[in-house]
N, C-alpha and C. Protein backbone atom coordinates (compact mmCIF):
# COMPACT_ATOMS: atom_id res chain seq x y z
N MET A 1 37.68 42.42 -57.47
CA MET A 1 36.48 42.18 -58.25
C MET A 1 35.78 43.51 -58.47
N THR A 2 35.42 43.77 -59.70
CA THR A 2 34.73 45.02 -60.01
C THR A 2 33.28 44.94 -59.54
N ALA A 3 32.64 46.10 -59.51
CA ALA A 3 31.23 46.14 -59.11
C ALA A 3 30.38 45.31 -60.07
N GLU A 4 30.70 45.38 -61.36
CA GLU A 4 29.94 44.63 -62.36
C GLU A 4 30.11 43.12 -62.16
N GLU A 5 31.34 42.71 -61.85
CA GLU A 5 31.60 41.28 -61.60
C GLU A 5 30.87 40.82 -60.34
N ASN A 6 30.85 41.67 -59.33
CA ASN A 6 30.16 41.36 -58.09
C ASN A 6 28.66 41.19 -58.34
N VAL A 7 28.08 42.09 -59.10
CA VAL A 7 26.65 42.00 -59.44
C VAL A 7 26.38 40.72 -60.20
N ALA A 8 27.25 40.39 -61.14
CA ALA A 8 27.08 39.16 -61.92
C ALA A 8 27.11 37.93 -61.02
N ARG A 9 28.02 37.90 -60.03
CA ARG A 9 28.11 36.77 -59.10
C ARG A 9 26.84 36.66 -58.25
N VAL A 10 26.34 37.79 -57.79
CA VAL A 10 25.11 37.78 -56.99
C VAL A 10 23.95 37.27 -57.82
N ARG A 11 23.87 37.69 -59.06
CA ARG A 11 22.80 37.21 -59.95
C ARG A 11 22.93 35.71 -60.20
N GLU A 12 24.17 35.26 -60.40
CA GLU A 12 24.41 33.83 -60.60
C GLU A 12 23.99 33.03 -59.37
N ALA A 13 24.35 33.53 -58.19
CA ALA A 13 23.98 32.85 -56.95
C ALA A 13 22.46 32.82 -56.77
N TYR A 14 21.82 33.94 -57.06
CA TYR A 14 20.36 34.00 -56.92
C TYR A 14 19.68 33.05 -57.88
N ALA A 15 20.16 33.00 -59.12
CA ALA A 15 19.57 32.08 -60.11
C ALA A 15 19.74 30.63 -59.65
N ALA A 16 20.92 30.30 -59.14
CA ALA A 16 21.16 28.94 -58.64
C ALA A 16 20.23 28.64 -57.48
N TYR A 17 20.09 29.59 -56.57
CA TYR A 17 19.21 29.41 -55.40
C TYR A 17 17.77 29.18 -55.83
N THR A 18 17.25 30.00 -56.74
CA THR A 18 15.85 29.87 -57.14
C THR A 18 15.58 28.58 -57.90
N GLN A 19 16.63 28.02 -58.54
CA GLN A 19 16.48 26.77 -59.27
C GLN A 19 16.82 25.55 -58.41
N GLY A 20 17.22 25.79 -57.16
CA GLY A 20 17.59 24.67 -56.28
C GLY A 20 18.90 24.03 -56.68
N ASP A 21 19.77 24.78 -57.35
CA ASP A 21 21.05 24.26 -57.83
C ASP A 21 22.10 24.36 -56.72
N THR A 22 22.06 23.41 -55.79
CA THR A 22 22.99 23.45 -54.67
C THR A 22 24.44 23.23 -55.09
N GLY A 23 24.66 22.52 -56.19
CA GLY A 23 26.03 22.30 -56.67
C GLY A 23 26.73 23.61 -56.98
N THR A 24 26.05 24.47 -57.73
CA THR A 24 26.63 25.78 -58.07
C THR A 24 26.81 26.62 -56.83
N LEU A 25 25.81 26.61 -55.95
CA LEU A 25 25.93 27.39 -54.71
C LEU A 25 27.11 26.93 -53.87
N LEU A 26 27.28 25.61 -53.76
CA LEU A 26 28.39 25.09 -52.96
C LEU A 26 29.74 25.43 -53.57
N GLU A 27 29.83 25.41 -54.89
CA GLU A 27 31.07 25.81 -55.55
C GLU A 27 31.39 27.27 -55.25
N MET A 28 30.36 28.10 -55.26
CA MET A 28 30.56 29.52 -54.99
C MET A 28 30.98 29.73 -53.53
N VAL A 29 30.36 29.00 -52.61
CA VAL A 29 30.72 29.11 -51.20
C VAL A 29 32.14 28.60 -50.99
N ASP A 30 32.48 27.48 -51.61
CA ASP A 30 33.81 26.90 -51.44
C ASP A 30 34.90 27.86 -51.90
N ALA A 31 34.63 28.61 -52.94
CA ALA A 31 35.62 29.56 -53.46
C ALA A 31 35.92 30.66 -52.45
N GLN A 32 35.00 30.89 -51.50
CA GLN A 32 35.18 31.96 -50.51
C GLN A 32 35.64 31.44 -49.15
N ARG A 33 35.74 30.13 -49.00
CA ARG A 33 36.12 29.54 -47.71
C ARG A 33 37.59 29.81 -47.41
N ALA A 34 37.92 29.93 -46.14
CA ALA A 34 39.32 30.11 -45.74
C ALA A 34 40.13 28.87 -46.11
N THR A 35 39.52 27.69 -45.98
CA THR A 35 40.16 26.43 -46.35
C THR A 35 39.27 25.76 -47.38
N PRO A 36 39.60 25.86 -48.69
CA PRO A 36 38.75 25.23 -49.71
C PRO A 36 38.57 23.74 -49.48
N ALA A 37 37.41 23.24 -49.86
CA ALA A 37 37.07 21.83 -49.64
C ALA A 37 37.58 20.93 -50.74
N ASP A 38 38.24 21.51 -51.75
CA ASP A 38 38.82 20.83 -52.91
C ASP A 38 38.38 19.38 -53.13
N ASP A 39 38.96 18.44 -52.39
CA ASP A 39 38.79 17.02 -52.65
C ASP A 39 37.61 16.41 -51.91
N ARG A 40 36.76 17.20 -51.36
CA ARG A 40 35.66 16.66 -50.57
C ARG A 40 34.41 16.59 -51.42
N SER A 41 33.81 15.41 -51.47
CA SER A 41 32.70 15.17 -52.37
C SER A 41 31.33 15.31 -51.71
N TYR A 42 31.27 15.34 -50.40
CA TYR A 42 29.99 15.37 -49.69
C TYR A 42 29.90 16.63 -48.84
N GLN A 43 28.75 17.27 -48.87
CA GLN A 43 28.51 18.48 -48.10
C GLN A 43 27.34 18.24 -47.16
N VAL A 44 27.50 18.67 -45.92
CA VAL A 44 26.41 18.62 -44.95
C VAL A 44 26.01 20.06 -44.67
N LEU A 45 24.77 20.39 -44.98
CA LEU A 45 24.27 21.73 -44.76
C LEU A 45 23.37 21.73 -43.54
N THR A 46 23.48 22.76 -42.73
CA THR A 46 22.59 22.95 -41.60
C THR A 46 21.65 24.09 -41.97
N LEU A 47 20.36 23.81 -41.92
CA LEU A 47 19.35 24.80 -42.28
C LEU A 47 18.60 25.25 -41.05
N ARG A 48 18.31 26.53 -41.01
CA ARG A 48 17.49 27.08 -39.94
C ARG A 48 16.57 28.12 -40.56
N ASP A 49 15.29 27.94 -40.38
CA ASP A 49 14.30 28.85 -40.97
C ASP A 49 14.49 29.02 -42.47
N GLY A 50 14.82 27.91 -43.16
CA GLY A 50 14.96 27.93 -44.60
C GLY A 50 16.26 28.53 -45.11
N GLN A 51 17.19 28.85 -44.22
CA GLN A 51 18.46 29.45 -44.61
C GLN A 51 19.61 28.51 -44.26
N ILE A 52 20.64 28.46 -45.10
CA ILE A 52 21.84 27.69 -44.78
C ILE A 52 22.61 28.48 -43.72
N VAL A 53 22.81 27.86 -42.55
CA VAL A 53 23.53 28.55 -41.47
C VAL A 53 24.89 27.91 -41.19
N ALA A 54 25.12 26.71 -41.74
CA ALA A 54 26.42 26.06 -41.58
C ALA A 54 26.64 25.12 -42.74
N LEU A 55 27.91 24.92 -43.09
CA LEU A 55 28.28 24.05 -44.20
C LEU A 55 29.53 23.29 -43.79
N ARG A 56 29.49 21.97 -43.95
CA ARG A 56 30.64 21.15 -43.59
C ARG A 56 30.97 20.23 -44.76
N ALA A 57 32.21 20.29 -45.24
CA ALA A 57 32.67 19.45 -46.34
C ALA A 57 33.22 18.16 -45.76
N CYS A 58 32.84 17.03 -46.34
CA CYS A 58 33.27 15.71 -45.86
C CYS A 58 33.91 14.92 -47.00
N HIS A 59 34.85 14.06 -46.64
CA HIS A 59 35.57 13.25 -47.62
C HIS A 59 34.77 12.05 -48.11
N SER A 60 33.83 11.56 -47.30
CA SER A 60 33.11 10.35 -47.66
C SER A 60 31.65 10.44 -47.22
N ARG A 61 30.85 9.55 -47.77
CA ARG A 61 29.44 9.48 -47.37
C ARG A 61 29.33 9.11 -45.90
N ALA A 62 30.17 8.19 -45.46
CA ALA A 62 30.14 7.76 -44.06
C ALA A 62 30.46 8.93 -43.13
N GLU A 63 31.45 9.75 -43.50
CA GLU A 63 31.78 10.91 -42.68
C GLU A 63 30.62 11.90 -42.65
N ALA A 64 29.99 12.12 -43.80
CA ALA A 64 28.86 13.05 -43.87
C ALA A 64 27.69 12.56 -43.01
N ILE A 65 27.44 11.26 -43.06
CA ILE A 65 26.36 10.68 -42.24
C ILE A 65 26.65 10.88 -40.76
N ALA A 66 27.90 10.65 -40.37
CA ALA A 66 28.29 10.83 -38.96
C ALA A 66 28.17 12.30 -38.55
N VAL A 67 28.64 13.21 -39.40
CA VAL A 67 28.58 14.64 -39.10
C VAL A 67 27.13 15.09 -38.97
N ALA A 68 26.26 14.55 -39.82
CA ALA A 68 24.84 14.92 -39.78
C ALA A 68 24.11 14.30 -38.60
N GLY A 69 24.73 13.32 -37.96
CA GLY A 69 24.10 12.67 -36.81
C GLY A 69 23.02 11.69 -37.20
N ILE A 70 23.09 11.18 -38.41
CA ILE A 70 22.09 10.22 -38.89
C ILE A 70 22.42 8.83 -38.34
N THR A 71 21.44 8.21 -37.71
CA THR A 71 21.67 6.90 -37.10
C THR A 71 20.85 5.79 -37.74
N ASP A 72 19.88 6.15 -38.57
CA ASP A 72 18.99 5.13 -39.15
C ASP A 72 19.25 4.92 -40.63
N VAL A 73 20.51 4.89 -41.04
CA VAL A 73 20.88 4.69 -42.44
C VAL A 73 20.35 3.35 -42.92
N GLY A 74 19.76 3.33 -44.09
CA GLY A 74 19.29 2.08 -44.66
C GLY A 74 17.83 1.79 -44.35
N THR A 75 17.15 2.69 -43.64
CA THR A 75 15.76 2.40 -43.29
C THR A 75 14.76 3.13 -44.19
N GLY A 76 15.23 4.09 -44.98
CA GLY A 76 14.32 4.84 -45.84
C GLY A 76 14.09 4.14 -47.17
N PRO A 77 13.13 4.63 -47.94
CA PRO A 77 12.84 4.04 -49.25
C PRO A 77 14.07 4.08 -50.16
N GLY A 78 14.38 2.97 -50.78
CA GLY A 78 15.50 2.89 -51.71
C GLY A 78 16.87 2.91 -51.08
N LYS A 79 16.94 2.81 -49.76
CA LYS A 79 18.21 2.90 -49.06
C LYS A 79 18.64 1.58 -48.44
N ALA A 80 17.82 0.57 -48.52
CA ALA A 80 18.11 -0.69 -47.85
C ALA A 80 19.45 -1.26 -48.31
N GLY A 81 20.26 -1.63 -47.35
CA GLY A 81 21.53 -2.26 -47.62
C GLY A 81 22.65 -1.32 -47.99
N ARG A 82 22.39 -0.03 -48.05
CA ARG A 82 23.42 0.94 -48.43
C ARG A 82 24.15 1.41 -47.18
N PRO A 83 25.50 1.37 -47.18
CA PRO A 83 26.24 1.78 -45.96
C PRO A 83 26.15 3.25 -45.70
């Protein structure tokens, strides 16, 4: 990757970050992972002090919920009855 391409990627990442575009950010992170998440539709992010410190790709919503340690699924607004 050339220096210009690298600068363009950093600008793209920054723009996505400032707009809250986690989809673009996750695609960019996945492209750099040792094992791409290809077929995984759910991402669990661990945040510390406003920064992403860990990222886990999951195959299903149920797997993501388990990885996140969520135990009260279905108790929030608009979530009743959802597995």
